[in-house]
Amino acid sequence: MARPSAVEVQEALRAIADPADAIHLRRFFKTGPGEYGEGDVFIGVRVPATRGVAKRFAALPLDEIDRLLDSTVHEDRFAGLVILNARFAAVSKPRTFDDAARATVVELYLAAVRRGRVNNWDLVDVSAENIVGPWLLDKPRELLFQLAQVDSVWERRVALLSSFAFIKAGDASTTFALCAGLLDDRRDLIQKALGWMLREVGKRIDRSLLISFLDQHAAVMGRTALSYATEHLEPAVRARYRAH
């Protein structure tokens, strides 16, 4: 069987691209001058269709995935990340567990993050909690604090979203530490991620933990983060915190 390539994935995506959807996606992902996705290129493939293409190329070699991640086209990068997620999941299963292979996937992913290829909120959100988060479940987590110290909205969002895997495992400690360190970052995509992760702690682990964090930090939190964090609290409690 021939070795699948990034070019084949790109051809499959272009075969189903819709120019009208490309216009919508460029607006939705803020690609205009001065916006967070400035200059990003969309060809017009929606997420379910992109996932369908990625599923067909699950055996794509890592070097070809890396080529997709270096594409100027957003949908190419999204497909590459979906395939990378599947690769990490495959080598994380009990029967096929391979920690060296897992490390290789993580290294490839982090290299792409650091060279600016995981550079929109959907790209971060589809990948960080599925690759970095599970990798660090049983490991030291200094990496996330290093990412959070970089003045990059994407690296900071990767740090926050990676902690979602810990929340799902019942551990809020890393999320709280990251959020406390990023309270002063008023960029919208950090505010939303920060509030979202706090909200998930309250939903999935313990509401009292969220309340304790809010009691300590609500007075200095940004409005957007506070709104997201309190979204599922009782109206009176939500109003009290949002009055800060």
C-alpha atoms as a PDB file:
ATOM      1  CA  MET A   1       0.000   0.000   0.000  1.00  0.00           C
ATOM      2  CA  ALA A   2       1.341   3.439  -0.923  1.00  0.00           C
ATOM      3  CA  ARG A   3       2.454   5.722   1.878  1.00  0.00           C
ATOM      4  CA  PRO A   4      -0.290   8.352   2.429  1.00  0.00           C
ATOM      5  CA  SER A   5       0.823  11.956   2.098  1.00  0.00           C
ATOM      6  CA  ALA A   6      -0.138  15.441   3.209  1.00  0.00           C
ATOM      7  CA  VAL A   7      -0.810  16.305  -0.414  1.00  0.00           C
ATOM      8  CA  GLU A   8      -3.508  13.623  -0.590  1.00  0.00           C
ATOM      9  CA  VAL A   9      -5.202  15.068   2.496  1.00  0.00           C
ATOM     10  CA  GLN A  10      -5.069  18.535   0.969  1.00  0.00           C
ATOM     11  CA  GLU A  11      -6.533  17.292  -2.294  1.00  0.00           C
ATOM     12  CA  ALA A  12      -9.370  15.582  -0.418  1.00  0.00           C
ATOM     13  CA  LEU A  13     -10.150  18.794   1.468  1.00  0.00           C
ATOM     14  CA  ARG A  14     -10.075  20.923  -1.657  1.00  0.00           C
ATOM     15  CA  ALA A  15     -12.439  18.523  -3.406  1.00  0.00           C
ATOM     16  CA  ILE A  16     -15.164  19.382  -0.883  1.00  0.00           C
ATOM     17  CA  ALA A  17     -14.297  23.053  -0.280  1.00  0.00           C
ATOM     18  CA  ASP A  18     -17.042  25.638  -0.680  1.00  0.00           C
ATOM     19  CA  PRO A  19     -15.985  29.230  -1.518  1.00  0.00           C
ATOM     20  CA  ALA A  20     -19.130  30.589   0.149  1.00  0.00           C
ATOM     21  CA  ASP A  21     -18.240  28.797   3.380  1.00  0.00           C
ATOM     22  CA  ALA A  22     -14.702  30.160   3.099  1.00  0.00           C
ATOM     23  CA  ILE A  23     -16.068  33.704   3.255  1.00  0.00           C
ATOM     24  CA  HIS A  24     -18.130  32.863   6.351  1.00  0.00           C
ATOM     25  CA  LEU A  25     -15.211  31.107   8.066  1.00  0.00           C
ATOM     26  CA  ARG A  26     -12.846  34.012   7.438  1.00  0.00           C
ATOM     27  CA  ARG A  27     -15.298  36.319   9.196  1.00  0.00           C
ATOM     28  CA  PHE A  28     -16.046  33.865  12.015  1.00  0.00           C
ATOM     29  CA  PHE A  29     -12.382  33.280  12.806  1.00  0.00           C
ATOM     30  CA  LYS A  30     -11.500  36.989  12.699  1.00  0.00           C
ATOM     31  CA  THR A  31      -8.975  37.027   9.865  1.00  0.00           C
ATOM     32  CA  GLY A  32      -9.192  40.751   9.154  1.00  0.00           C
ATOM     33  CA  PRO A  33      -6.439  43.320   9.804  1.00  0.00           C
ATOM     34  CA  GLY A  34      -5.671  43.607  13.516  1.00  0.00           C
ATOM     35  CA  GLU A  35      -7.878  40.653  14.448  1.00  0.00           C
ATOM     36  CA  TYR A  36      -6.581  37.566  16.232  1.00  0.00           C
ATOM     37  CA  GLY A  37      -6.697  35.396  13.095  1.00  0.00           C
ATOM     38  CA  GLU A  38      -5.293  38.043  10.797  1.00  0.00           C
ATOM     39  CA  GLY A  39      -4.200  36.638   7.439  1.00  0.00           C
ATOM     40  CA  ASP A  40      -5.341  33.063   8.029  1.00  0.00           C
ATOM     41  CA  VAL A  41      -6.491  31.279   4.874  1.00  0.00           C
ATOM     42  CA  PHE A  42      -9.739  29.294   4.653  1.00  0.00           C
ATOM     43  CA  ILE A  43     -10.887  27.221   1.712  1.00  0.00           C
ATOM     44  CA  GLY A  44     -14.382  26.520   3.049  1.00  0.00           C
ATOM     45  CA  VAL A  45     -14.585  23.077   4.691  1.00  0.00           C
ATOM     46  CA  ARG A  46     -16.716  22.774   7.815  1.00  0.00           C
ATOM     47  CA  VAL A  47     -15.511  20.847  10.871  1.00  0.00           C
ATOM     48  CA  PRO A  48     -17.558  17.629  10.404  1.00  0.00           C
ATOM     49  CA  ALA A  49     -16.331  17.299   6.810  1.00  0.00           C
ATOM     50  CA  THR A  50     -12.750  18.026   7.851  1.00  0.00           C
ATOM     51  CA  ARG A  51     -12.999  15.333  10.519  1.00  0.00           C
ATOM     52  CA  GLY A  52     -14.316  12.938   7.896  1.00  0.00           C
ATOM     53  CA  VAL A  53     -11.256  13.516   5.719  1.00  0.00           C
ATOM     54  CA  ALA A  54      -8.946  13.156   8.723  1.00  0.00           C
ATOM     55  CA  LYS A  55     -10.524   9.806   9.593  1.00  0.00           C
ATOM     56  CA  ARG A  56      -9.722   8.511   6.118  1.00  0.00           C
ATOM     57  CA  PHE A  57      -6.056   9.382   6.644  1.00  0.00           C
ATOM     58  CA  ALA A  58      -5.573   8.049  10.156  1.00  0.00           C
ATOM     59  CA  ALA A  59      -2.388   6.246   9.024  1.00  0.00           C
ATOM     60  CA  LEU A  60      -0.717   9.452   7.829  1.00  0.00           C
ATOM     61  CA  PRO A  61       2.974   9.364   8.894  1.00  0.00           C
ATOM     62  CA  LEU A  62       4.104  11.906  11.472  1.00  0.00           C
ATOM     63  CA  ASP A  63       6.317  13.796   9.055  1.00  0.00           C
ATOM     64  CA  GLU A  64       3.339  14.227   6.729  1.00  0.00           C
ATOM     65  CA  ILE A  65       1.176  15.398   9.640  1.00  0.00           C
ATOM     66  CA  ASP A  66       3.876  17.974  10.340  1.00  0.00           C
ATOM     67  CA  ARG A  67       3.630  19.138   6.733  1.00  0.00           C
ATOM     68  CA  LEU A  68      -0.100  19.684   7.205  1.00  0.00           C
ATOM     69  CA  LEU A  69       0.584  21.694  10.342  1.00  0.00           C
ATOM     70  CA  ASP A  70       2.883  23.959   8.347  1.00  0.00           C
ATOM     71  CA  SER A  71       0.230  24.627   5.698  1.00  0.00           C
ATOM     72  CA  THR A  72      -1.038  28.170   5.244  1.00  0.00           C
ATOM     73  CA  VAL A  73      -4.574  26.742   4.986  1.00  0.00           C
ATOM     74  CA  HIS A  74      -6.504  26.540   8.243  1.00  0.00           C
ATOM     75  CA  GLU A  75      -8.453  23.399   7.363  1.00  0.00           C
ATOM     76  CA  ASP A  76      -5.194  21.576   6.566  1.00  0.00           C
ATOM     77  CA  ARG A  77      -3.873  22.371  10.023  1.00  0.00           C
ATOM     78  CA  PHE A  78      -7.147  21.362  11.670  1.00  0.00           C
ATOM     79  CA  ALA A  79      -7.113  18.023   9.843  1.00  0.00           C
ATOM     80  CA  GLY A  80      -3.500  17.476  10.867  1.00  0.00           C
ATOM     81  CA  LEU A  81      -4.368  18.037  14.516  1.00  0.00           C
ATOM     82  CA  VAL A  82      -7.341  15.662  14.377  1.00  0.00           C
ATOM     83  CA  ILE A  83      -5.090  12.975  12.911  1.00  0.00           C
ATOM     84  CA  LEU A  84      -2.473  13.711  15.580  1.00  0.00           C
ATOM     85  CA  ASN A  85      -5.118  13.353  18.302  1.00  0.00           C
ATOM     86  CA  ALA A  86      -6.000   9.926  16.939  1.00  0.00           C
ATOM     87  CA  ARG A  87      -2.345   8.935  16.806  1.00  0.00           C
ATOM     88  CA  PHE A  88      -1.830   9.908  20.447  1.00  0.00           C
ATOM     89  CA  ALA A  89      -4.986   8.050  21.486  1.00  0.00           C
ATOM     90  CA  ALA A  90      -3.876   4.931  19.615  1.00  0.00           C
ATOM     91  CA  VAL A  91      -0.522   4.719  21.409  1.00  0.00           C
ATOM     92  CA  SER A  92      -2.176   5.490  24.756  1.00  0.00           C
ATOM     93  CA  LYS A  93      -4.529   2.495  24.810  1.00  0.00           C
ATOM     94  CA  PRO A  94      -3.635  -0.239  27.322  1.00  0.00           C
ATOM     95  CA  ARG A  95      -3.021  -2.879  24.640  1.00  0.00           C
ATOM     96  CA  THR A  96      -0.932  -0.627  22.397  1.00  0.00           C
ATOM     97  CA  PHE A  97       0.598   1.662  25.019  1.00  0.00           C
ATOM     98  CA  ASP A  98       3.921   3.101  23.875  1.00  0.00           C
ATOM     99  CA  ASP A  99       5.256   5.948  25.999  1.00  0.00           C
ATOM    100  CA  ALA A 100       8.104   6.698  23.600  1.00  0.00           C
ATOM    101  CA  ALA A 101       5.615   7.074  20.744  1.00  0.00           C
ATOM    102  CA  ARG A 102       3.442   9.275  22.954  1.00  0.00           C
ATOM    103  CA  ALA A 103       6.439  11.490  23.698  1.00  0.00           C
ATOM    104  CA  THR A 104       7.183  11.813  19.984  1.00  0.00           C
ATOM    105  CA  VAL A 105       3.629  12.980  19.288  1.00  0.00           C
ATOM    106  CA  VAL A 106       3.797  15.508  22.123  1.00  0.00           C
ATOM    107  CA  GLU A 107       7.143  16.836  20.929  1.00  0.00           C
ATOM    108  CA  LEU A 108       5.820  17.261  17.379  1.00  0.00           C
ATOM    109  CA  TYR A 109       2.741  19.047  18.695  1.00  0.00           C
ATOM    110  CA  LEU A 110       4.646  21.401  20.984  1.00  0.00           C
ATOM    111  CA  ALA A 111       7.088  22.246  18.207  1.00  0.00           C
ATOM    112  CA  ALA A 112       4.120  23.213  16.019  1.00  0.00           C
ATOM    113  CA  VAL A 113       2.670  25.322  18.846  1.00  0.00           C
ATOM    114  CA  ARG A 114       5.957  27.127  19.377  1.00  0.00           C
ATOM    115  CA  ARG A 115       6.436  27.951  15.719  1.00  0.00           C
ATOM    116  CA  GLY A 116       2.954  29.429  15.573  1.00  0.00           C
ATOM    117  CA  ARG A 117       1.068  26.743  13.665  1.00  0.00           C
ATOM    118  CA  VAL A 118      -1.602  26.071  16.311  1.00  0.00           C
ATOM    119  CA  ASN A 119      -2.801  29.620  15.941  1.00  0.00           C
ATOM    120  CA  ASN A 120      -6.530  29.926  16.394  1.00  0.00           C
ATOM    121  CA  TRP A 121      -8.866  29.003  19.208  1.00  0.00           C
ATOM    122  CA  ASP A 122     -10.406  26.019  17.417  1.00  0.00           C
ATOM    123  CA  LEU A 123      -6.971  24.570  16.683  1.00  0.00           C
ATOM    124  CA  VAL A 124      -5.969  24.883  20.339  1.00  0.00           C
ATOM    125  CA  ASP A 125      -9.261  23.576  21.654  1.00  0.00           C
ATOM    126  CA  VAL A 126      -9.344  20.494  19.425  1.00  0.00           C
ATOM    127  CA  SER A 127      -5.852  19.422  20.433  1.00  0.00           C
ATOM    128  CA  ALA A 128      -4.462  20.611  23.772  1.00  0.00           C
ATOM    129  CA  GLU A 129      -6.754  18.615  26.060  1.00  0.00           C
ATOM    130  CA  ASN A 130      -6.330  15.523  23.864  1.00  0.00           C
ATOM    131  CA  ILE A 131      -2.532  15.525  23.593  1.00  0.00           C
ATOM    132  CA  VAL A 132      -0.713  17.600  26.214  1.00  0.00           C
ATOM    133  CA  GLY A 133      -3.291  17.128  28.953  1.00  0.00           C
ATOM    134  CA  PRO A 134      -3.355  13.305  28.922  1.00  0.00           C
ATOM    135  CA  TRP A 135       0.425  13.201  28.530  1.00  0.00           C
ATOM    136  CA  LEU A 136       0.901  15.174  31.748  1.00  0.00           C
ATOM    137  CA  LEU A 137      -1.706  13.375  33.853  1.00  0.00           C
ATOM    138  CA  ASP A 138       0.993  11.339  35.615  1.00  0.00           C
ATOM    139  CA  LYS A 139       3.905  13.741  35.084  1.00  0.00           C
ATOM    140  CA  PRO A 140       5.188  17.052  36.466  1.00  0.00           C
ATOM    141  CA  ARG A 141       3.325  19.976  34.930  1.00  0.00           C
ATOM    142  CA  GLU A 142       5.982  22.696  34.756  1.00  0.00           C
ATOM    143  CA  LEU A 143       5.556  22.696  30.978  1.00  0.00           C
ATOM    144  CA  LEU A 144       2.137  24.319  31.283  1.00  0.00           C
ATOM    145  CA  PHE A 145       3.461  27.104  33.495  1.00  0.00           C
ATOM    146  CA  GLN A 146       6.263  27.692  31.019  1.00  0.00           C
ATOM    147  CA  LEU A 147       3.716  28.025  28.229  1.00  0.00           C
ATOM    148  CA  ALA A 148       1.626  30.351  30.393  1.00  0.00           C
ATOM    149  CA  GLN A 149       4.617  32.648  30.879  1.00  0.00           C
ATOM    150  CA  VAL A 150       5.025  33.193  27.139  1.00  0.00           C
ATOM    151  CA  ASP A 151       3.247  36.336  25.954  1.00  0.00           C
ATOM    152  CA  SER A 152       1.363  34.446  23.269  1.00  0.00           C
ATOM    153  CA  VAL A 153      -2.395  34.069  23.368  1.00  0.00           C
ATOM    154  CA  TRP A 154      -2.080  30.647  21.739  1.00  0.00           C
ATOM    155  CA  GLU A 155       0.552  29.187  24.068  1.00  0.00           C
ATOM    156  CA  ARG A 156      -1.343  30.472  27.081  1.00  0.00           C
ATOM    157  CA  ARG A 157      -4.586  29.013  25.764  1.00  0.00           C
ATOM    158  CA  VAL A 158      -2.814  25.681  25.173  1.00  0.00           C
ATOM    159  CA  ALA A 159      -1.755  25.729  28.835  1.00  0.00           C
ATOM    160  CA  LEU A 160      -5.288  26.432  30.050  1.00  0.00           C
ATOM    161  CA  LEU A 161      -7.020  23.964  27.737  1.00  0.00           C
ATOM    162  CA  SER A 162      -4.507  21.218  28.520  1.00  0.00           C
ATOM    163  CA  SER A 163      -5.668  21.410  32.120  1.00  0.00           C
ATOM    164  CA  PHE A 164      -9.146  20.325  30.989  1.00  0.00           C
ATOM    165  CA  ALA A 165      -7.816  16.758  30.999  1.00  0.00           C
ATOM    166  CA  PHE A 166      -6.944  17.144  34.696  1.00  0.00           C
ATOM    167  CA  ILE A 167     -10.394  18.554  35.474  1.00  0.00           C
ATOM    168  CA  LYS A 168     -11.972  15.523  33.807  1.00  0.00           C
ATOM    169  CA  ALA A 169      -9.783  13.362  36.049  1.00  0.00           C
ATOM    170  CA  GLY A 170     -11.037  15.211  39.149  1.00  0.00           C
ATOM    171  CA  ASP A 171      -8.011  17.465  39.747  1.00  0.00           C
ATOM    172  CA  ALA A 172      -8.497  21.247  39.831  1.00  0.00           C
ATOM    173  CA  SER A 173      -5.135  22.228  41.323  1.00  0.00           C
ATOM    174  CA  THR A 174      -3.247  22.939  38.093  1.00  0.00           C
ATOM    175  CA  THR A 175      -6.202  24.785  36.568  1.00  0.00           C
ATOM    176  CA  PHE A 176      -6.471  27.036  39.622  1.00  0.00           C
ATOM    177  CA  ALA A 177      -2.752  27.778  39.613  1.00  0.00           C
ATOM    178  CA  LEU A 178      -2.747  28.614  35.904  1.00  0.00           C
ATOM    179  CA  CYS A 179      -5.864  30.764  36.191  1.00  0.00           C
ATOM    180  CA  ALA A 180      -4.507  32.693  39.171  1.00  0.00           C
ATOM    181  CA  GLY A 181      -1.366  33.465  37.188  1.00  0.00           C
ATOM    182  CA  LEU A 182      -3.281  34.680  34.134  1.00  0.00           C
ATOM    183  CA  LEU A 183      -5.949  36.842  35.764  1.00  0.00           C
ATOM    184  CA  ASP A 184      -4.304  40.024  34.479  1.00  0.00           C
ATOM    185  CA  ASP A 185      -4.365  38.882  30.835  1.00  0.00           C
ATOM    186  CA  ARG A 186      -7.406  40.706  29.517  1.00  0.00           C
ATOM    187  CA  ARG A 187      -7.230  39.331  25.981  1.00  0.00           C
ATOM    188  CA  ASP A 188     -10.632  37.970  25.045  1.00  0.00           C
ATOM    189  CA  LEU A 189      -9.485  34.464  24.109  1.00  0.00           C
ATOM    190  CA  ILE A 190      -7.625  34.078  27.409  1.00  0.00           C
ATOM    191  CA  GLN A 191     -10.526  35.500  29.410  1.00  0.00           C
ATOM    192  CA  LYS A 192     -12.930  33.049  27.802  1.00  0.00           C
ATOM    193  CA  ALA A 193     -10.634  30.045  28.278  1.00  0.00           C
ATOM    194  CA  LEU A 194      -9.914  30.984  31.888  1.00  0.00           C
ATOM    195  CA  GLY A 195     -13.582  31.395  32.773  1.00  0.00           C
ATOM    196  CA  TRP A 196     -14.510  28.244  30.887  1.00  0.00           C
ATOM    197  CA  MET A 197     -12.017  26.099  32.798  1.00  0.00           C
ATOM    198  CA  LEU A 198     -13.157  27.533  36.128  1.00  0.00           C
ATOM    199  CA  ARG A 199     -16.777  26.821  35.206  1.00  0.00           C
ATOM    200  CA  GLU A 200     -15.853  23.219  34.365  1.00  0.00           C
ATOM    201  CA  VAL A 201     -14.278  22.781  37.802  1.00  0.00           C
ATOM    202  CA  GLY A 202     -17.587  23.769  39.364  1.00  0.00           C
ATOM    203  CA  LYS A 203     -19.575  21.500  37.035  1.00  0.00           C
ATOM    204  CA  ARG A 204     -17.361  18.423  36.989  1.00  0.00           C
ATOM    205  CA  ILE A 205     -15.521  18.363  40.313  1.00  0.00           C
ATOM    206  CA  ASP A 206     -16.977  20.451  43.126  1.00  0.00           C
ATOM    207  CA  ARG A 207     -18.975  23.648  43.084  1.00  0.00           C
ATOM    208  CA  SER A 208     -17.480  24.642  46.437  1.00  0.00           C
ATOM    209  CA  LEU A 209     -13.996  24.682  44.879  1.00  0.00           C
ATOM    210  CA  LEU A 210     -15.165  27.187  42.271  1.00  0.00           C
ATOM    211  CA  ILE A 211     -16.866  29.300  44.955  1.00  0.00           C
ATOM    212  CA  SER A 212     -13.663  29.326  47.007  1.00  0.00           C
ATOM    213  CA  PHE A 213     -11.627  30.495  43.998  1.00  0.00           C
ATOM    214  CA  LEU A 214     -14.174  33.200  43.200  1.00  0.00           C
ATOM    215  CA  ASP A 215     -14.253  34.393  46.814  1.00  0.00           C
ATOM    216  CA  GLN A 216     -10.509  34.897  46.611  1.00  0.00           C
ATOM    217  CA  HIS A 217     -10.180  36.323  43.087  1.00  0.00           C
ATOM    218  CA  ALA A 218     -13.498  37.666  41.760  1.00  0.00           C
ATOM    219  CA  ALA A 219     -12.686  41.261  42.704  1.00  0.00           C
ATOM    220  CA  VAL A 220      -9.731  41.317  40.294  1.00  0.00           C
ATOM    221  CA  MET A 221     -11.118  39.099  37.531  1.00  0.00           C
ATOM    222  CA  GLY A 222     -12.014  40.435  34.102  1.00  0.00           C
ATOM    223  CA  ARG A 223     -15.688  40.736  33.257  1.00  0.00           C
ATOM    224  CA  THR A 224     -15.573  38.090  30.539  1.00  0.00           C
ATOM    225  CA  ALA A 225     -13.781  35.506  32.677  1.00  0.00           C
ATOM    226  CA  LEU A 226     -16.162  36.164  35.567  1.00  0.00           C
ATOM    227  CA  SER A 227     -19.185  35.829  33.297  1.00  0.00           C
ATOM    228  CA  TYR A 228     -18.011  32.473  31.942  1.00  0.00           C
ATOM    229  CA  ALA A 229     -16.970  31.132  35.353  1.00  0.00           C
ATOM    230  CA  THR A 230     -20.311  31.918  36.991  1.00  0.00           C
ATOM    231  CA  GLU A 231     -22.544  30.882  34.097  1.00  0.00           C
ATOM    232  CA  HIS A 232     -24.050  27.849  35.827  1.00  0.00           C
ATOM    233  CA  LEU A 233     -24.350  29.242  39.333  1.00  0.00           C
ATOM    234  CA  GLU A 234     -27.695  30.209  40.837  1.00  0.00           C
ATOM    235  CA  PRO A 235     -28.886  33.635  39.644  1.00  0.00           C
ATOM    236  CA  ALA A 236     -28.424  35.308  43.029  1.00  0.00           C
ATOM    237  CA  VAL A 237     -24.928  33.894  43.488  1.00  0.00           C
ATOM    238  CA  ARG A 238     -23.996  34.764  39.916  1.00  0.00           C
ATOM    239  CA  ALA A 239     -25.242  38.333  40.373  1.00  0.00           C
ATOM    240  CA  ARG A 240     -23.246  38.746  43.563  1.00  0.00           C
ATOM    241  CA  TYR A 241     -19.971  37.829  41.895  1.00  0.00           C
ATOM    242  CA  ARG A 242     -20.675  39.786  38.732  1.00  0.00           C
ATOM    243  CA  ALA A 243     -21.317  42.888  40.839  1.00  0.00           C
ATOM    244  CA  HIS A 244     -17.581  43.119  41.619  1.00  0.00           C
END
